[in-house]
PDB file of N, CA and C in Angstrom:
ATOM      1  N   PRO A   1      -7.169   8.059   9.270  1.00  0.00           N
ATOM      2  CA  PRO A   1      -6.827   7.459   7.981  1.00  0.00           C
ATOM      3  C   PRO A   1      -5.547   8.055   7.409  1.00  0.00           C
ATOM      4  N   GLY A   2      -4.779   7.230   6.766  1.00  0.00           N
ATOM      5  CA  GLY A   2      -3.564   7.693   6.130  1.00  0.00           C
ATOM      6  C   GLY A   2      -2.306   7.564   6.955  1.00  0.00           C
ATOM      7  N   HIS A   3      -2.418   7.107   8.220  1.00  0.00           N
ATOM      8  CA  HIS A   3      -1.230   6.911   9.061  1.00  0.00           C
ATOM      9  C   HIS A   3      -0.222   6.104   8.248  1.00  0.00           C
ATOM     10  N   THR A   4       0.960   6.668   8.090  1.00  0.00           N
ATOM     11  CA  THR A   4       1.980   6.079   7.223  1.00  0.00           C
ATOM     12  C   THR A   4       3.289   5.944   7.977  1.00  0.00           C
ATOM     13  N   LEU A   5       4.015   4.868   7.694  1.00  0.00           N
ATOM     14  CA  LEU A   5       5.361   4.700   8.228  1.00  0.00           C
ATOM     15  C   LEU A   5       6.367   4.984   7.132  1.00  0.00           C
ATOM     16  N   VAL A   6       7.401   5.724   7.479  1.00  0.00           N
ATOM     17  CA  VAL A   6       8.536   5.954   6.583  1.00  0.00           C
ATOM     18  C   VAL A   6       9.678   5.130   7.154  1.00  0.00           C
ATOM     19  N   VAL A   7      10.111   4.125   6.396  1.00  0.00           N
ATOM     20  CA  VAL A   7      11.081   3.148   6.886  1.00  0.00           C
ATOM     21  C   VAL A   7      12.267   3.090   5.922  1.00  0.00           C
ATOM     22  N   PRO A   8      13.481   3.289   6.421  1.00  0.00           N
ATOM     23  CA  PRO A   8      14.646   3.174   5.537  1.00  0.00           C
ATOM     24  C   PRO A   8      14.924   1.709   5.193  1.00  0.00           C
ATOM     25  N   VAL A   9      15.558   1.497   4.065  1.00  0.00           N
ATOM     26  CA  VAL A   9      15.962   0.145   3.675  1.00  0.00           C
ATOM     27  C   VAL A   9      16.984  -0.392   4.675  1.00  0.00           C
ATOM     28  N   ASP A  10      17.939   0.444   5.041  1.00  0.00           N
ATOM     29  CA  ASP A  10      18.964   0.035   6.009  1.00  0.00           C
ATOM     30  C   ASP A  10      18.307  -0.211   7.364  1.00  0.00           C
ATOM     31  N   GLU A  11      18.592  -1.351   7.961  1.00  0.00           N
ATOM     32  CA  GLU A  11      18.040  -1.670   9.282  1.00  0.00           C
ATOM     33  C   GLU A  11      18.926  -1.058  10.357  1.00  0.00           C
ATOM     34  N   ILE A  12      18.469   0.059  10.873  1.00  0.00           N
ATOM     35  CA  ILE A  12      19.193   0.785  11.915  1.00  0.00           C
ATOM     36  C   ILE A  12      18.278   0.808  13.133  1.00  0.00           C
ATOM     37  N   ASP A  13      18.765   0.280  14.241  1.00  0.00           N
ATOM     38  CA  ASP A  13      17.935   0.104  15.427  1.00  0.00           C
ATOM     39  C   ASP A  13      17.387   1.423  15.961  1.00  0.00           C
ATOM     40  N   HIS A  14      18.217   2.407  16.152  1.00  0.00           N
ATOM     41  CA  HIS A  14      17.803   3.651  16.805  1.00  0.00           C
ATOM     42  C   HIS A  14      18.034   4.824  15.866  1.00  0.00           C
ATOM     43  N   TRP A  15      17.074   5.731  15.805  1.00  0.00           N
ATOM     44  CA  TRP A  15      17.185   6.848  14.862  1.00  0.00           C
ATOM     45  C   TRP A  15      18.423   7.700  15.104  1.00  0.00           C
ATOM     46  N   THR A  16      18.915   7.738  16.333  1.00  0.00           N
ATOM     47  CA  THR A  16      20.113   8.555  16.603  1.00  0.00           C
ATOM     48  C   THR A  16      21.365   7.945  16.000  1.00  0.00           C
ATOM     49  N   ASP A  17      21.272   6.701  15.532  1.00  0.00           N
ATOM     50  CA  ASP A  17      22.409   6.067  14.863  1.00  0.00           C
ATOM     51  C   ASP A  17      22.374   6.244  13.352  1.00  0.00           C
ATOM     52  N   CYS A  18      21.342   6.879  12.827  1.00  0.00           N
ATOM     53  CA  CYS A  18      21.238   7.109  11.384  1.00  0.00           C
ATOM     54  C   CYS A  18      22.235   8.178  10.955  1.00  0.00           C
ATOM     55  N   PRO A  19      22.870   7.976   9.813  1.00  0.00           N
ATOM     56  CA  PRO A  19      23.706   9.047   9.271  1.00  0.00           C
ATOM     57  C   PRO A  19      22.848  10.283   8.984  1.00  0.00           C
ATOM     58  N   PRO A  20      23.400  11.465   9.146  1.00  0.00           N
ATOM     59  CA  PRO A  20      22.618  12.690   8.927  1.00  0.00           C
ATOM     60  C   PRO A  20      21.949  12.748   7.555  1.00  0.00           C
ATOM     61  N   GLU A  21      22.615  12.252   6.515  1.00  0.00           N
ATOM     62  CA  GLU A  21      22.029  12.293   5.173  1.00  0.00           C
ATOM     63  C   GLU A  21      20.772  11.426   5.110  1.00  0.00           C
ATOM     64  N   LEU A  22      20.802  10.275   5.776  1.00  0.00           N
ATOM     65  CA  LEU A  22      19.634   9.390   5.791  1.00  0.00           C
ATOM     66  C   LEU A  22      18.490  10.037   6.563  1.00  0.00           C
ATOM     67  N   LEU A  23      18.790  10.637   7.704  1.00  0.00           N
ATOM     68  CA  LEU A  23      17.728  11.327   8.462  1.00  0.00           C
ATOM     69  C   LEU A  23      17.103  12.443   7.635  1.00  0.00           C
ATOM     70  N   ALA A  24      17.933  13.191   6.939  1.00  0.00           N
ATOM     71  CA  ALA A  24      17.414  14.276   6.099  1.00  0.00           C
ATOM     72  C   ALA A  24      16.498  13.710   5.011  1.00  0.00           C
ATOM     73  N   HIS A  25      16.893  12.600   4.422  1.00  0.00           N
ATOM     74  CA  HIS A  25      16.066  11.972   3.391  1.00  0.00           C
ATOM     75  C   HIS A  25      14.736  11.496   3.975  1.00  0.00           C
ATOM     76  N   LEU A  26      14.777  10.836   5.136  1.00  0.00           N
ATOM     77  CA  LEU A  26      13.552  10.347   5.771  1.00  0.00           C
ATOM     78  C   LEU A  26      12.595  11.494   6.087  1.00  0.00           C
ATOM     79  N   ILE A  27      13.128  12.577   6.608  1.00  0.00           N
ATOM     80  CA  ILE A  27      12.298  13.746   6.929  1.00  0.00           C
ATOM     81  C   ILE A  27      11.695  14.329   5.650  1.00  0.00           C
ATOM     82  N   GLY A  28      12.484  14.378   4.581  1.00  0.00           N
ATOM     83  CA  GLY A  28      11.962  14.876   3.305  1.00  0.00           C
ATOM     84  C   GLY A  28      10.822  14.024   2.778  1.00  0.00           C
ATOM     85  N   VAL A  29      10.975  12.706   2.859  1.00  0.00           N
ATOM     86  CA  VAL A  29       9.908  11.800   2.430  1.00  0.00           C
ATOM     87  C   VAL A  29       8.678  11.997   3.325  1.00  0.00           C
ATOM     88  N   ALA A  30       8.899  12.068   4.639  1.00  0.00           N
ATOM     89  CA  ALA A  30       7.790  12.270   5.578  1.00  0.00           C
ATOM     90  C   ALA A  30       7.070  13.588   5.293  1.00  0.00           C
ATOM     91  N   ARG A  31       7.813  14.611   4.935  1.00  0.00           N
ATOM     92  CA  ARG A  31       7.207  15.909   4.628  1.00  0.00           C
ATOM     93  C   ARG A  31       6.242  15.792   3.451  1.00  0.00           C
ATOM     94  N   GLU A  32       6.668  15.118   2.399  1.00  0.00           N
ATOM     95  CA  GLU A  32       5.809  14.981   1.223  1.00  0.00           C
ATOM     96  C   GLU A  32       4.579  14.130   1.538  1.00  0.00           C
ATOM     97  N   ILE A  33       4.744  13.079   2.328  1.00  0.00           N
ATOM     98  CA  ILE A  33       3.600  12.275   2.735  1.00  0.00           C
ATOM     99  C   ILE A  33       2.654  13.106   3.604  1.00  0.00           C
ATOM    100  N   GLY A  34       3.211  13.913   4.502  1.00  0.00           N
ATOM    101  CA  GLY A  34       2.390  14.795   5.326  1.00  0.00           C
ATOM    102  C   GLY A  34       1.610  15.793   4.497  1.00  0.00           C
ATOM    103  N   ARG A  35       2.238  16.340   3.471  1.00  0.00           N
ATOM    104  CA  ARG A  35       1.529  17.272   2.582  1.00  0.00           C
ATOM    105  C   ARG A  35       0.375  16.562   1.884  1.00  0.00           C
ATOM    106  N   ALA A  36       0.629  15.318   1.460  1.00  0.00           N
ATOM    107  CA  ALA A  36      -0.428  14.548   0.795  1.00  0.00           C
ATOM    108  C   ALA A  36      -1.547  14.191   1.773  1.00  0.00           C
ATOM    109  N   GLN A  37      -1.188  13.827   3.006  1.00  0.00           N
ATOM    110  CA  GLN A  37      -2.212  13.535   4.013  1.00  0.00           C
ATOM    111  C   GLN A  37      -3.092  14.756   4.255  1.00  0.00           C
ATOM    112  N   HIS A  38      -2.463  15.904   4.346  1.00  0.00           N
ATOM    113  CA  HIS A  38      -3.229  17.131   4.588  1.00  0.00           C
ATOM    114  C   HIS A  38      -4.193  17.391   3.436  1.00  0.00           C
ATOM    115  N   ALA A  39      -3.711  17.212   2.205  1.00  0.00           N
ATOM    116  CA  ALA A  39      -4.566  17.423   1.034  1.00  0.00           C
ATOM    117  C   ALA A  39      -5.678  16.379   0.950  1.00  0.00           C
ATOM    118  N   ALA A  40      -5.372  15.140   1.291  1.00  0.00           N
ATOM    119  CA  ALA A  40      -6.320  14.043   1.107  1.00  0.00           C
ATOM    120  C   ALA A  40      -7.356  13.942   2.214  1.00  0.00           C
ATOM    121  N   PHE A  41      -6.940  14.173   3.451  1.00  0.00           N
ATOM    122  CA  PHE A  41      -7.820  13.903   4.589  1.00  0.00           C
ATOM    123  C   PHE A  41      -8.188  15.147   5.404  1.00  0.00           C
ATOM    124  N   ALA A  42      -7.558  16.271   5.110  1.00  0.00           N
ATOM    125  CA  ALA A  42      -7.839  17.552   5.769  1.00  0.00           C
ATOM    126  C   ALA A  42      -7.774  17.505   7.298  1.00  0.00           C
ATOM    127  N   PRO A  43      -6.728  16.891   7.879  1.00  0.00           N
ATOM    128  CA  PRO A  43      -6.598  16.963   9.336  1.00  0.00           C
ATOM    129  C   PRO A  43      -6.206  18.380   9.754  1.00  0.00           C
ATOM    130  N   ARG A  44      -6.422  18.693  11.028  1.00  0.00           N
ATOM    131  CA  ARG A  44      -6.030  20.014  11.549  1.00  0.00           C
ATOM    132  C   ARG A  44      -4.512  20.188  11.466  1.00  0.00           C
ATOM    133  N   ARG A  45      -3.780  19.130  11.777  1.00  0.00           N
ATOM    134  CA  ARG A  45      -2.314  19.105  11.730  1.00  0.00           C
ATOM    135  C   ARG A  45      -1.873  17.733  11.243  1.00  0.00           C
ATOM    136  N   VAL A  46      -0.616  17.647  10.818  1.00  0.00           N
ATOM    137  CA  VAL A  46      -0.002  16.357  10.527  1.00  0.00           C
ATOM    138  C   VAL A  46       1.181  16.217  11.476  1.00  0.00           C
ATOM    139  N   ALA A  47       1.153  15.141  12.255  1.00  0.00           N
ATOM    140  CA  ALA A  47       2.199  14.903  13.259  1.00  0.00           C
ATOM    141  C   ALA A  47       3.279  13.982  12.694  1.00  0.00           C
ATOM    142  N   LEU A  48       4.476  14.164  13.194  1.00  0.00           N
ATOM    143  CA  LEU A  48       5.603  13.295  12.862  1.00  0.00           C
ATOM    144  C   LEU A  48       6.126  12.731  14.170  1.00  0.00           C
ATOM    145  N   LEU A  49       6.093  11.397  14.301  1.00  0.00           N
ATOM    146  CA  LEU A  49       6.522  10.732  15.529  1.00  0.00           C
ATOM    147  C   LEU A  49       7.693   9.806  15.241  1.00  0.00           C
ATOM    148  N   VAL A  50       8.674   9.865  16.109  1.00  0.00           N
ATOM    149  CA  VAL A  50       9.763   8.893  16.107  1.00  0.00           C
ATOM    150  C   VAL A  50       9.692   8.223  17.466  1.00  0.00           C
ATOM    151  N   VAL A  51       9.181   6.997  17.489  1.00  0.00           N
ATOM    152  CA  VAL A  51       8.933   6.330  18.763  1.00  0.00           C
ATOM    153  C   VAL A  51       9.997   5.263  19.016  1.00  0.00           C
ATOM    154  N   GLY A  52      10.087   4.278  18.149  1.00  0.00           N
ATOM    155  CA  GLY A  52      11.140   3.282  18.252  1.00  0.00           C
ATOM    156  C   GLY A  52      10.947   2.205  19.291  1.00  0.00           C
ATOM    157  N   ASP A  53       9.745   2.068  19.818  1.00  0.00           N
ATOM    158  CA  ASP A  53       9.515   1.061  20.849  1.00  0.00           C
ATOM    159  C   ASP A  53       8.982  -0.245  20.272  1.00  0.00           C
ATOM    160  N   GLU A  54       8.291  -0.154  19.149  1.00  0.00           N
ATOM    161  CA  GLU A  54       7.588  -1.311  18.609  1.00  0.00           C
ATOM    162  C   GLU A  54       8.515  -2.344  17.974  1.00  0.00           C
ATOM    163  N   VAL A  55       9.462  -1.903  17.197  1.00  0.00           N
ATOM    164  CA  VAL A  55      10.384  -2.794  16.487  1.00  0.00           C
ATOM    165  C   VAL A  55      11.789  -2.182  16.513  1.00  0.00           C
ATOM    166  N   PRO A  56      12.831  -2.998  16.452  1.00  0.00           N
ATOM    167  CA  PRO A  56      14.197  -2.468  16.459  1.00  0.00           C
ATOM    168  C   PRO A  56      14.657  -2.046  15.057  1.00  0.00           C
ATOM    169  N   HIS A  57      13.901  -1.165  14.429  1.00  0.00           N
ATOM    170  CA  HIS A  57      14.226  -0.668  13.089  1.00  0.00           C
ATOM    171  C   HIS A  57      13.665   0.747  13.000  1.00  0.00           C
ATOM    172  N   THR A  58      14.533   1.705  12.777  1.00  0.00           N
ATOM    173  CA  THR A  58      14.121   3.105  12.698  1.00  0.00           C
ATOM    174  C   THR A  58      12.947   3.271  11.745  1.00  0.00           C
ATOM    175  N   HIS A  59      11.951   4.018  12.165  1.00  0.00           N
ATOM    176  CA  HIS A  59      10.828   4.368  11.299  1.00  0.00           C
ATOM    177  C   HIS A  59      10.141   5.614  11.856  1.00  0.00           C
ATOM    178  N   LEU A  60       9.543   6.370  10.949  1.00  0.00           N
ATOM    179  CA  LEU A  60       8.827   7.583  11.304  1.00  0.00           C
ATOM    180  C   LEU A  60       7.333   7.354  11.075  1.00  0.00           C
ATOM    181  N   HIS A  61       6.517   7.790  12.023  1.00  0.00           N
ATOM    182  CA  HIS A  61       5.066   7.757  11.869  1.00  0.00           C
ATOM    183  C   HIS A  61       4.626   9.129  11.367  1.00  0.00           C
ATOM    184  N   VAL A  62       3.880   9.171  10.279  1.00  0.00           N
ATOM    185  CA  VAL A  62       3.290  10.405   9.770  1.00  0.00           C
ATOM    186  C   VAL A  62       1.784  10.241   9.948  1.00  0.00           C
ATOM    187  N   VAL A  63       1.199  11.076  10.825  1.00  0.00           N
ATOM    188  CA  VAL A  63      -0.176  10.857  11.262  1.00  0.00           C
ATOM    189  C   VAL A  63      -0.973  12.159  11.197  1.00  0.00           C
ATOM    190  N   GLY A  64      -2.067  12.127  10.456  1.00  0.00           N
ATOM    191  CA  GLY A  64      -2.987  13.260  10.483  1.00  0.00           C
ATOM    192  C   GLY A  64      -3.671  13.309  11.837  1.00  0.00           C
ATOM    193  N   MET A  65      -3.838  14.510  12.369  1.00  0.00           N
ATOM    194  CA  MET A  65      -4.432  14.623  13.703  1.00  0.00           C
ATOM    195  C   MET A  65      -5.351  15.832  13.796  1.00  0.00           C
ATOM    196  N   ASP A  66      -6.420  15.643  14.544  1.00  0.00           N
ATOM    197  CA  ASP A  66      -7.296  16.752  14.901  1.00  0.00           C
ATOM    198  C   ASP A  66      -7.150  17.079  16.379  1.00  0.00           C
ATOM    199  N   THR A  67      -6.805  16.057  17.188  1.00  0.00           N
ATOM    200  CA  THR A  67      -6.553  16.247  18.616  1.00  0.00           C
ATOM    201  C   THR A  67      -5.337  15.410  19.003  1.00  0.00           C
ATOM    202  N   LEU A  68      -4.796  15.654  20.179  1.00  0.00           N
ATOM    203  CA  LEU A  68      -3.649  14.873  20.643  1.00  0.00           C
ATOM    204  C   LEU A  68      -3.974  13.390  20.778  1.00  0.00           C
ATOM    205  N   ALA A  69      -5.209  13.060  21.035  1.00  0.00           N
ATOM    206  CA  ALA A  69      -5.595  11.646  21.144  1.00  0.00           C
ATOM    207  C   ALA A  69      -5.344  10.894  19.840  1.00  0.00           C
ATOM    208  N   ASP A  70      -5.349  11.607  18.708  1.00  0.00           N
ATOM    209  CA  ASP A  70      -5.131  10.962  17.412  1.00  0.00           C
ATOM    210  C   ASP A  70      -3.720  10.416  17.248  1.00  0.00           C
ATOM    211  N   ILE A  71      -2.789  10.881  18.069  1.00  0.00           N
ATOM    212  CA  ILE A  71      -1.423  10.368  17.952  1.00  0.00           C
ATOM    213  C   ILE A  71      -1.056   9.422  19.095  1.00  0.00           C
ATOM    214  N   ASP A  72      -2.044   9.026  19.878  1.00  0.00           N
ATOM    215  CA  ASP A  72      -1.823   8.054  20.934  1.00  0.00           C
ATOM    216  C   ASP A  72      -1.853   6.666  20.299  1.00  0.00           C
ATOM    217  N   LEU A  73      -0.683   6.094  20.056  1.00  0.00           N
ATOM    218  CA  LEU A  73      -0.592   4.820  19.350  1.00  0.00           C
ATOM    219  C   LEU A  73      -1.249   3.678  20.118  1.00  0.00           C
ATOM    220  N   SER A  74      -1.401   3.826  21.411  1.00  0.00           N
ATOM    221  CA  SER A  74      -2.063   2.770  22.189  1.00  0.00           C
ATOM    222  C   SER A  74      -3.559   2.693  21.884  1.00  0.00           C
ATOM    223  N   LEU A  75      -4.106   3.728  21.251  1.00  0.00           N
ATOM    224  CA  LEU A  75      -5.525   3.747  20.908  1.00  0.00           C
ATOM    225  C   LEU A  75      -5.784   3.277  19.473  1.00  0.00           C
ATOM    226  N   ALA A  76      -4.730   2.894  18.762  1.00  0.00           N
ATOM    227  CA  ALA A  76      -4.897   2.456  17.374  1.00  0.00           C
ATOM    228  C   ALA A  76      -5.739   1.190  17.309  1.00  0.00           C
ATOM    229  N   ASP A  77      -6.549   1.094  16.278  1.00  0.00           N
ATOM    230  CA  ASP A  77      -7.405  -0.072  16.069  1.00  0.00           C
ATOM    231  C   ASP A  77      -6.521  -1.295  15.809  1.00  0.00           C
ATOM    232  N   PRO A  78      -6.608  -2.335  16.634  1.00  0.00           N
ATOM    233  CA  PRO A  78      -5.760  -3.513  16.446  1.00  0.00           C
ATOM    234  C   PRO A  78      -6.204  -4.391  15.278  1.00  0.00           C
ATOM    235  N   ALA A  79      -7.400  -4.174  14.762  1.00  0.00           N
ATOM    236  CA  ALA A  79      -7.906  -4.986  13.656  1.00  0.00           C
ATOM    237  C   ALA A  79      -8.692  -4.104  12.682  1.00  0.00           C
ATOM    238  N   PRO A  80      -7.999  -3.198  11.992  1.00  0.00           N
ATOM    239  CA  PRO A  80      -8.712  -2.293  11.100  1.00  0.00           C
ATOM    240  C   PRO A  80      -9.299  -3.048   9.897  1.00  0.00           C
ATOM    241  N   ASP A  81     -10.354  -2.494   9.345  1.00  0.00           N
ATOM    242  CA  ASP A  81     -11.004  -3.069   8.178  1.00  0.00           C
ATOM    243  C   ASP A  81     -10.057  -2.969   6.972  1.00  0.00           C
ATOM    244  N   PRO A  82      -9.693  -4.101   6.373  1.00  0.00           N
ATOM    245  CA  PRO A  82      -8.777  -4.058   5.222  1.00  0.00           C
ATOM    246  C   PRO A  82      -9.286  -3.177   4.082  1.00  0.00           C
ATOM    247  N   ALA A  83     -10.576  -3.166   3.846  1.00  0.00           N
ATOM    248  CA  ALA A  83     -11.122  -2.324   2.782  1.00  0.00           C
ATOM    249  C   ALA A  83     -10.920  -0.843   3.090  1.00  0.00           C
ATOM    250  N   ALA A  84     -11.057  -0.463   4.359  1.00  0.00           N
ATOM    251  CA  ALA A  84     -10.833   0.927   4.748  1.00  0.00           C
ATOM    252  C   ALA A  84      -9.357   1.297   4.587  1.00  0.00           C
ATOM    253  N   LEU A  85      -8.466   0.376   4.924  1.00  0.00           N
ATOM    254  CA  LEU A  85      -7.027   0.618   4.727  1.00  0.00           C
ATOM    255  C   LEU A  85      -6.710   0.797   3.248  1.00  0.00           C
ATOM    256  N   ASP A  86      -7.268  -0.068   2.420  1.00  0.00           N
ATOM    257  CA  ASP A  86      -7.038   0.041   0.977  1.00  0.00           C
ATOM    258  C   ASP A  86      -7.565   1.357   0.428  1.00  0.00           C
ATOM    259  N   ALA A  87      -8.733   1.765   0.899  1.00  0.00           N
ATOM    260  CA  ALA A  87      -9.320   3.028   0.430  1.00  0.00           C
ATOM    261  C   ALA A  87      -8.462   4.218   0.849  1.00  0.00           C
ATOM    262  N   ALA A  88      -7.977   4.211   2.089  1.00  0.00           N
ATOM    263  CA  ALA A  88      -7.115   5.306   2.558  1.00  0.00           C
ATOM    264  C   ALA A  88      -5.813   5.331   1.769  1.00  0.00           C
ATOM    265  N   ALA A  89      -5.245   4.140   1.498  1.00  0.00           N
ATOM    266  CA  ALA A  89      -4.006   4.075   0.723  1.00  0.00           C
ATOM    267  C   ALA A  89      -4.219   4.635  -0.681  1.00  0.00           C
ATOM    268  N   GLU A  90      -5.340   4.305  -1.289  1.00  0.00           N
ATOM    269  CA  GLU A  90      -5.627   4.810  -2.634  1.00  0.00           C
ATOM    270  C   GLU A  90      -5.823   6.323  -2.621  1.00  0.00           C
ATOM    271  N   THR A  91      -6.486   6.839  -1.603  1.00  0.00           N
ATOM    272  CA  THR A  91      -6.683   8.282  -1.471  1.00  0.00           C
ATOM    273  C   THR A  91      -5.347   8.991  -1.291  1.00  0.00           C
ATOM    274  N   LEU A  92      -4.480   8.436  -0.448  1.00  0.00           N
ATOM    275  CA  LEU A  92      -3.163   9.022  -0.228  1.00  0.00           C
ATOM    276  C   LEU A  92      -2.310   8.930  -1.493  1.00  0.00           C
ATOM    277  N   ARG A  93      -2.370   7.797  -2.170  1.00  0.00           N
ATOM    278  CA  ARG A  93      -1.628   7.621  -3.426  1.00  0.00           C
ATOM    279  C   ARG A  93      -2.059   8.684  -4.444  1.00  0.00           C
ATOM    280  N   ALA A  94      -3.360   8.924  -4.562  1.00  0.00           N
ATOM    281  CA  ALA A  94      -3.860   9.934  -5.494  1.00  0.00           C
ATOM    282  C   ALA A  94      -3.357  11.329  -5.125  1.00  0.00           C
ATOM    283  N   ALA A  95      -3.328  11.633  -3.827  1.00  0.00           N
ATOM    284  CA  ALA A  95      -2.833  12.946  -3.390  1.00  0.00           C
ATOM    285  C   ALA A  95      -1.353  13.099  -3.704  1.00  0.00           C
ATOM    286  N   LEU A  96      -0.579  12.034  -3.518  1.00  0.00           N
ATOM    287  CA  LEU A  96       0.851  12.089  -3.856  1.00  0.00           C
ATOM    288  C   LEU A  96       1.039  12.306  -5.356  1.00  0.00           C
ATOM    289  N   LEU A  97       0.226  11.652  -6.173  1.00  0.00           N
ATOM    290  CA  LEU A  97       0.297  11.861  -7.620  1.00  0.00           C
ATOM    291  C   LEU A  97      -0.039  13.302  -7.968  1.00  0.00           C
ATOM    292  N   ASP A  98      -1.088  13.855  -7.315  1.00  0.00           N
ATOM    293  CA  ASP A  98      -1.475  15.251  -7.559  1.00  0.00           C
ATOM    294  C   ASP A  98      -0.359  16.222  -7.180  1.00  0.00           C
ATOM    295  N   LEU A  99       0.465  15.831  -6.208  1.00  0.00           N
ATOM    296  CA  LEU A  99       1.580  16.685  -5.781  1.00  0.00           C
ATOM    297  C   LEU A  99       2.823  16.488  -6.649  1.00  0.00           C
ATOM    298  N   GLY A 100       2.721  15.665  -7.690  1.00  0.00           N
ATOM    299  CA  GLY A 100       3.820  15.519  -8.630  1.00  0.00           C
ATOM    300  C   GLY A 100       4.798  14.397  -8.346  1.00  0.00           C
ATOM    301  N   HIS A 101       4.373  13.392  -7.618  1.00  0.00           N
ATOM    302  CA  HIS A 101       5.288  12.301  -7.246  1.00  0.00           C
ATOM    303  C   HIS A 101       5.044  11.023  -8.024  1.00  0.00           C
ATOM    304  N   ALA A 102       4.624  11.129  -9.282  1.00  0.00           N
ATOM    305  CA  ALA A 102       4.337   9.948 -10.084  1.00  0.00           C
ATOM    306  C   ALA A 102       5.545   9.029 -10.240  1.00  0.00           C
ATOM    307  N   ASP A 103       6.731   9.610 -10.241  1.00  0.00           N
ATOM    308  CA  ASP A 103       7.944   8.800 -10.399  1.00  0.00           C
ATOM    309  C   ASP A 103       8.283   7.986  -9.150  1.00  0.00           C
ATOM    310  N   ARG A 104       7.630   8.274  -8.021  1.00  0.00           N
ATOM    311  CA  ARG A 104       7.930   7.593  -6.762  1.00  0.00           C
ATOM    312  C   ARG A 104       6.772   6.819  -6.157  1.00  0.00           C
ATOM    313  N   VAL A 105       5.601   6.935  -6.754  1.00  0.00           N
ATOM    314  CA  VAL A 105       4.399   6.312  -6.177  1.00  0.00           C
ATOM    315  C   VAL A 105       4.081   5.045  -6.944  1.00  0.00           C
ATOM    316  N   PRO A 106       4.145   3.896  -6.275  1.00  0.00           N
ATOM    317  CA  PRO A 106       3.812   2.640  -6.973  1.00  0.00           C
ATOM    318  C   PRO A 106       2.319   2.538  -7.247  1.00  0.00           C
ATOM    319  N   ALA A 107       1.975   1.772  -8.253  1.00  0.00           N
ATOM    320  CA  ALA A 107       0.566   1.539  -8.563  1.00  0.00           C
ATOM    321  C   ALA A 107      -0.070   0.733  -7.452  1.00  0.00           C
ATOM    322  N   GLY A 108      -1.366   0.921  -7.257  1.00  0.00           N
ATOM    323  CA  GLY A 108      -2.108   0.257  -6.193  1.00  0.00           C
ATOM    324  C   GLY A 108      -2.309  -1.162  -6.374  1.00  0.00           C
TER     325      GLY A 108
END
């Protein structure tokens, strides 16, 4: 629960083509989401993945993990329960608010 994508507004195909300032910003956003995931879901670790195979638009996966299998994207549920997704999003949103990000967290 809580697997989140960090996606820049600018459509850049490959992360190595991102300007350094944009990469730094994306990593900073991913860090705060990872901190919130850790607080909200208590995974053993929070992983950061840059894969780039699914779509031609740079994005970072922030994924709570207890084992390496948790970051195997091929094992992701292809039809997750929408109510479970909404609940995880609300839990993550609350954790981000608790971490002081009210100015950046949209209402549910």
